[in-house]
Amino acid sequence: MAAVCHCSMCRRAHAAPAVGWAMFQQSQVVFTGALLREFASSEEARRGFCGACGTQISFTASFLPGLIDIALGSLDDPEAIVPQLHYWHSRHLGWAEFADGLPRYPELPPFDAD
């Protein structure tokens, strides 16, 4: 799944009005040669960033067990993965509305149990 998050934590961590994420199983993601560092952004969540330049890279949380979000803007080809929806839209900034027609969820979208 790929989506645009509008929550205040993502906005602050990235200093941006919204953040595009791609979600993967943690077993699918391997960081090689990276200086990935992490910090606890809340009691439930950890954010990964490049230890050399500070770029925000990843997000994991206890409420998303076994999953990892990778920031689309950190990818070599960020246009390769296109968001399918917006979440935490109840927190979006009024002056940063996207005209893309994608579904909007006030909080987290429903997840399939697959």
N, C-alpha and C. Protein backbone atom coordinates (compact mmCIF):
# COMPACT_ATOMS: atom_id res chain seq x y z
N MET A 1 0.84 -1.18 0.00
CA MET A 1 0.00 0.00 0.00
C MET A 1 0.88 1.24 0.00
N ALA A 2 0.48 2.22 -0.72
CA ALA A 2 1.14 3.53 -0.69
C ALA A 2 0.08 4.58 -0.43
N ALA A 3 0.43 5.56 0.41
CA ALA A 3 -0.56 6.55 0.82
C ALA A 3 0.12 7.85 1.22
N VAL A 4 -0.69 8.88 1.36
CA VAL A 4 -0.24 10.18 1.84
C VAL A 4 -0.79 10.36 3.25
N CYS A 5 0.11 10.61 4.21
CA CYS A 5 -0.28 10.80 5.60
C CYS A 5 -0.32 12.29 5.93
N HIS A 6 -1.36 12.67 6.65
CA HIS A 6 -1.54 14.07 7.05
C HIS A 6 -1.44 14.26 8.55
N CYS A 7 -0.99 13.25 9.30
CA CYS A 7 -0.94 13.39 10.76
C CYS A 7 0.12 14.42 11.17
N SER A 8 -0.09 15.00 12.33
CA SER A 8 0.83 16.05 12.79
C SER A 8 2.23 15.51 13.08
N MET A 9 2.34 14.26 13.51
CA MET A 9 3.67 13.69 13.78
C MET A 9 4.49 13.58 12.50
N CYS A 10 3.88 13.10 11.43
CA CYS A 10 4.60 13.00 10.15
C CYS A 10 4.95 14.38 9.61
N ARG A 11 3.99 15.30 9.70
CA ARG A 11 4.26 16.66 9.22
C ARG A 11 5.45 17.26 9.94
N ARG A 12 5.50 17.09 11.27
CA ARG A 12 6.61 17.67 12.04
C ARG A 12 7.93 16.97 11.75
N ALA A 13 7.91 15.64 11.69
CA ALA A 13 9.14 14.88 11.46
C ALA A 13 9.77 15.22 10.11
N HIS A 14 8.92 15.51 9.11
CA HIS A 14 9.41 15.79 7.76
C HIS A 14 9.41 17.27 7.41
N ALA A 15 8.91 18.11 8.32
CA ALA A 15 8.78 19.55 8.05
C ALA A 15 8.07 19.77 6.71
N ALA A 16 6.94 19.09 6.56
CA ALA A 16 6.19 19.12 5.30
C ALA A 16 4.70 19.09 5.60
N PRO A 17 3.86 19.55 4.67
CA PRO A 17 2.42 19.55 4.90
C PRO A 17 1.79 18.16 4.88
N ALA A 18 2.46 17.18 4.27
CA ALA A 18 1.99 15.79 4.21
C ALA A 18 3.18 14.93 3.79
N VAL A 19 3.08 13.61 4.02
CA VAL A 19 4.18 12.71 3.69
C VAL A 19 3.64 11.49 2.93
N GLY A 20 4.29 11.17 1.82
CA GLY A 20 3.96 9.97 1.07
C GLY A 20 4.74 8.78 1.62
N TRP A 21 4.03 7.67 1.86
CA TRP A 21 4.64 6.46 2.41
C TRP A 21 4.28 5.25 1.55
N ALA A 22 5.19 4.28 1.49
CA ALA A 22 4.90 2.95 0.93
C ALA A 22 5.10 1.96 2.06
N MET A 23 4.10 1.10 2.27
CA MET A 23 4.14 0.14 3.37
C MET A 23 4.55 -1.23 2.85
N PHE A 24 5.49 -1.85 3.57
CA PHE A 24 6.00 -3.17 3.22
C PHE A 24 6.02 -4.06 4.46
N GLN A 25 6.08 -5.37 4.25
CA GLN A 25 6.41 -6.29 5.33
C GLN A 25 7.86 -6.00 5.71
N GLN A 26 8.18 -5.98 6.99
CA GLN A 26 9.56 -5.70 7.40
C GLN A 26 10.54 -6.70 6.79
N SER A 27 10.10 -7.93 6.57
CA SER A 27 10.98 -8.94 5.98
C SER A 27 11.34 -8.63 4.52
N GLN A 28 10.61 -7.73 3.87
CA GLN A 28 10.88 -7.34 2.49
C GLN A 28 11.92 -6.23 2.38
N VAL A 29 12.27 -5.60 3.49
CA VAL A 29 13.11 -4.41 3.45
C VAL A 29 14.46 -4.68 4.11
N VAL A 30 15.52 -4.38 3.37
CA VAL A 30 16.89 -4.50 3.89
C VAL A 30 17.61 -3.20 3.55
N PHE A 31 18.22 -2.61 4.56
CA PHE A 31 19.02 -1.40 4.34
C PHE A 31 20.47 -1.84 4.21
N THR A 32 21.08 -1.56 3.06
CA THR A 32 22.48 -1.94 2.84
C THR A 32 23.32 -0.69 2.69
N GLY A 33 24.45 -0.68 3.34
CA GLY A 33 25.37 0.44 3.24
C GLY A 33 24.81 1.73 3.80
N ALA A 34 23.65 1.66 4.43
CA ALA A 34 23.02 2.87 4.95
C ALA A 34 23.45 3.11 6.38
N LEU A 35 23.42 4.34 6.76
CA LEU A 35 23.70 4.74 8.14
C LEU A 35 22.37 4.96 8.85
N LEU A 36 21.47 3.98 8.76
CA LEU A 36 20.14 4.15 9.32
C LEU A 36 20.22 4.26 10.83
N ARG A 37 19.62 5.31 11.35
CA ARG A 37 19.50 5.52 12.79
C ARG A 37 18.01 5.60 13.09
N GLU A 38 17.64 5.35 14.33
CA GLU A 38 16.24 5.41 14.72
C GLU A 38 16.06 6.20 16.00
N PHE A 39 14.86 6.74 16.16
CA PHE A 39 14.50 7.36 17.43
C PHE A 39 13.03 7.05 17.70
N ALA A 40 12.67 7.04 18.97
CA ALA A 40 11.28 6.83 19.36
C ALA A 40 10.54 8.15 19.21
N SER A 41 9.64 8.22 18.25
CA SER A 41 8.88 9.46 18.03
C SER A 41 7.65 9.52 18.92
N SER A 42 7.30 8.39 19.51
CA SER A 42 6.23 8.32 20.50
C SER A 42 6.42 7.01 21.26
N GLU A 43 5.56 6.77 22.20
CA GLU A 43 5.65 5.53 22.97
C GLU A 43 5.43 4.31 22.08
N GLU A 44 4.69 4.48 21.00
CA GLU A 44 4.31 3.37 20.13
C GLU A 44 5.12 3.28 18.84
N ALA A 45 5.86 4.32 18.48
CA ALA A 45 6.44 4.38 17.14
C ALA A 45 7.92 4.75 17.13
N ARG A 46 8.59 4.28 16.06
CA ARG A 46 9.99 4.61 15.83
C ARG A 46 10.13 5.14 14.40
N ARG A 47 11.00 6.12 14.26
CA ARG A 47 11.28 6.69 12.94
C ARG A 47 12.75 6.50 12.62
N GLY A 48 13.01 6.08 11.38
CA GLY A 48 14.37 5.88 10.92
C GLY A 48 14.80 7.03 10.04
N PHE A 49 16.08 7.37 10.13
CA PHE A 49 16.61 8.47 9.33
C PHE A 49 18.06 8.17 8.96
N CYS A 50 18.58 8.86 7.96
CA CYS A 50 19.97 8.70 7.54
C CYS A 50 20.86 9.40 8.57
N GLY A 51 21.80 8.65 9.13
CA GLY A 51 22.71 9.21 10.11
C GLY A 51 23.69 10.21 9.53
N ALA A 52 23.84 10.23 8.19
CA ALA A 52 24.76 11.17 7.56
C ALA A 52 24.10 12.50 7.21
N CYS A 53 22.87 12.44 6.66
CA CYS A 53 22.25 13.69 6.20
C CYS A 53 20.96 14.04 6.95
N GLY A 54 20.39 13.10 7.70
CA GLY A 54 19.18 13.37 8.47
C GLY A 54 17.88 13.11 7.74
N THR A 55 17.94 12.68 6.48
CA THR A 55 16.71 12.41 5.73
C THR A 55 15.86 11.39 6.44
N GLN A 56 14.57 11.70 6.62
CA GLN A 56 13.63 10.77 7.22
C GLN A 56 13.37 9.64 6.23
N ILE A 57 13.47 8.39 6.70
CA ILE A 57 13.37 7.25 5.80
C ILE A 57 12.23 6.30 6.15
N SER A 58 12.06 5.97 7.43
CA SER A 58 11.13 4.89 7.77
C SER A 58 10.29 5.20 9.00
N PHE A 59 9.23 4.39 9.14
CA PHE A 59 8.33 4.48 10.29
C PHE A 59 7.87 3.08 10.63
N THR A 60 7.97 2.70 11.90
CA THR A 60 7.41 1.45 12.40
C THR A 60 6.62 1.78 13.66
N ALA A 61 5.63 0.94 13.96
CA ALA A 61 4.79 1.19 15.14
C ALA A 61 4.23 -0.11 15.68
N SER A 62 4.02 -0.14 16.98
CA SER A 62 3.47 -1.33 17.62
C SER A 62 2.07 -1.65 17.10
N PHE A 63 1.32 -0.66 16.62
CA PHE A 63 -0.02 -0.90 16.11
C PHE A 63 -0.02 -1.37 14.65
N LEU A 64 1.20 -1.49 14.05
CA LEU A 64 1.37 -2.04 12.70
C LEU A 64 2.43 -3.15 12.76
N PRO A 65 2.18 -4.21 13.52
CA PRO A 65 3.22 -5.23 13.72
C PRO A 65 3.68 -5.88 12.42
N GLY A 66 5.01 -5.98 12.28
CA GLY A 66 5.59 -6.62 11.11
C GLY A 66 5.63 -5.77 9.87
N LEU A 67 5.19 -4.51 9.97
CA LEU A 67 5.15 -3.62 8.81
C LEU A 67 6.12 -2.46 8.98
N ILE A 68 6.58 -1.93 7.86
CA ILE A 68 7.44 -0.74 7.86
C ILE A 68 7.00 0.18 6.73
N ASP A 69 6.91 1.45 7.03
CA ASP A 69 6.65 2.47 6.01
C ASP A 69 7.97 3.06 5.57
N ILE A 70 8.13 3.24 4.27
CA ILE A 70 9.31 3.89 3.69
C ILE A 70 8.83 5.19 3.04
N ALA A 71 9.46 6.30 3.38
CA ALA A 71 9.08 7.59 2.82
C ALA A 71 9.33 7.62 1.32
N LEU A 72 8.30 7.91 0.56
CA LEU A 72 8.43 7.93 -0.90
C LEU A 72 9.49 8.93 -1.36
N GLY A 73 9.57 10.07 -0.70
CA GLY A 73 10.54 11.09 -1.08
C GLY A 73 11.98 10.67 -0.87
N SER A 74 12.21 9.61 -0.10
CA SER A 74 13.58 9.14 0.13
C SER A 74 14.04 8.13 -0.92
N LEU A 75 13.13 7.69 -1.78
CA LEU A 75 13.47 6.70 -2.79
C LEU A 75 14.27 7.31 -3.94
N ASP A 76 15.09 6.50 -4.59
CA ASP A 76 15.82 6.96 -5.77
C ASP A 76 14.86 7.37 -6.89
N ASP A 77 13.74 6.65 -7.01
CA ASP A 77 12.73 6.95 -8.02
C ASP A 77 11.37 7.08 -7.33
N PRO A 78 11.08 8.23 -6.70
CA PRO A 78 9.83 8.36 -5.95
C PRO A 78 8.57 8.28 -6.80
N GLU A 79 8.68 8.42 -8.12
CA GLU A 79 7.49 8.31 -8.97
C GLU A 79 7.15 6.86 -9.29
N ALA A 80 8.00 5.91 -8.90
CA ALA A 80 7.76 4.50 -9.18
C ALA A 80 6.60 3.93 -8.37
N ILE A 81 6.31 4.53 -7.22
CA ILE A 81 5.21 4.07 -6.37
C ILE A 81 4.22 5.23 -6.21
N VAL A 82 2.99 5.00 -6.62
CA VAL A 82 1.98 6.05 -6.62
C VAL A 82 1.01 5.83 -5.44
N PRO A 83 0.79 6.84 -4.60
CA PRO A 83 -0.16 6.69 -3.50
C PRO A 83 -1.56 6.34 -4.00
N GLN A 84 -2.26 5.54 -3.18
CA GLN A 84 -3.61 5.08 -3.51
C GLN A 84 -4.68 5.77 -2.67
N LEU A 85 -4.28 6.44 -1.59
CA LEU A 85 -5.25 7.05 -0.69
C LEU A 85 -4.56 8.05 0.23
N HIS A 86 -5.37 8.77 0.98
CA HIS A 86 -4.88 9.70 2.02
C HIS A 86 -5.39 9.18 3.35
N TYR A 87 -4.55 9.25 4.39
CA TYR A 87 -5.04 8.91 5.72
C TYR A 87 -4.67 9.99 6.72
N TRP A 88 -5.34 9.94 7.85
CA TRP A 88 -5.31 11.02 8.84
C TRP A 88 -5.71 12.35 8.18
N HIS A 89 -6.63 12.25 7.22
CA HIS A 89 -7.07 13.44 6.51
C HIS A 89 -7.81 14.40 7.44
N SER A 90 -8.31 13.89 8.55
CA SER A 90 -8.96 14.77 9.53
C SER A 90 -7.99 15.78 10.11
N ARG A 91 -6.70 15.54 9.92
CA ARG A 91 -5.66 16.45 10.43
C ARG A 91 -4.99 17.27 9.33
N HIS A 92 -5.48 17.14 8.09
CA HIS A 92 -4.79 17.84 6.99
C HIS A 92 -4.85 19.36 7.17
N LEU A 93 -3.88 20.01 6.59
CA LEU A 93 -3.83 21.48 6.59
C LEU A 93 -4.74 21.99 5.48
N GLY A 94 -5.63 22.90 5.81
CA GLY A 94 -6.60 23.39 4.84
C GLY A 94 -6.00 23.98 3.59
N TRP A 95 -4.81 24.55 3.71
CA TRP A 95 -4.18 25.18 2.54
C TRP A 95 -3.37 24.18 1.72
N ALA A 96 -3.35 22.91 2.11
CA ALA A 96 -2.56 21.90 1.39
C ALA A 96 -3.48 20.77 0.93
N GLU A 97 -4.48 21.11 0.15
CA GLU A 97 -5.42 20.10 -0.35
C GLU A 97 -4.92 19.57 -1.69
N PHE A 98 -4.92 18.25 -1.84
CA PHE A 98 -4.50 17.60 -3.08
C PHE A 98 -5.72 17.44 -3.99
N ALA A 99 -5.56 17.71 -5.26
CA ALA A 99 -6.65 17.59 -6.22
C ALA A 99 -6.49 16.29 -7.02
N ASP A 100 -6.34 15.17 -6.30
CA ASP A 100 -6.06 13.90 -6.97
C ASP A 100 -7.24 12.94 -7.02
N GLY A 101 -8.32 13.20 -6.30
CA GLY A 101 -9.47 12.32 -6.34
C GLY A 101 -9.31 11.00 -5.60
N LEU A 102 -8.20 10.81 -4.88
CA LEU A 102 -7.99 9.57 -4.13
C LEU A 102 -8.90 9.53 -2.90
N PRO A 103 -9.24 8.34 -2.41
CA PRO A 103 -10.03 8.24 -1.19
C PRO A 103 -9.33 8.89 -0.01
N ARG A 104 -10.12 9.44 0.90
CA ARG A 104 -9.58 10.09 2.10
C ARG A 104 -10.20 9.43 3.33
N TYR A 105 -9.34 9.08 4.28
CA TYR A 105 -9.78 8.47 5.52
C TYR A 105 -9.45 9.41 6.67
N PRO A 106 -10.40 9.64 7.57
CA PRO A 106 -10.15 10.59 8.66
C PRO A 106 -9.02 10.15 9.57
N GLU A 107 -8.82 8.84 9.70
CA GLU A 107 -7.71 8.31 10.48
C GLU A 107 -7.03 7.24 9.64
N LEU A 108 -6.69 6.09 10.22
CA LEU A 108 -6.08 5.02 9.45
C LEU A 108 -7.12 4.34 8.57
N PRO A 109 -6.72 3.89 7.38
CA PRO A 109 -7.66 3.18 6.52
C PRO A 109 -7.86 1.75 7.04
N PRO A 110 -8.92 1.08 6.59
CA PRO A 110 -9.09 -0.33 6.97
C PRO A 110 -7.98 -1.17 6.34
N PHE A 111 -7.49 -2.12 7.07
CA PHE A 111 -6.45 -3.02 6.57
C PHE A 111 -7.05 -4.40 6.37
N ASP A 112 -6.69 -5.05 5.28
CA ASP A 112 -7.10 -6.44 5.07
C ASP A 112 -6.30 -7.33 6.02
N ALA A 113 -6.87 -8.40 6.45
CA ALA A 113 -6.21 -9.31 7.40
C ALA A 113 -5.29 -10.30 6.70
N ASP A 114 -4.92 -10.06 5.44
CA ASP A 114 -4.04 -10.99 4.72
C ASP A 114 -2.67 -11.03 5.29
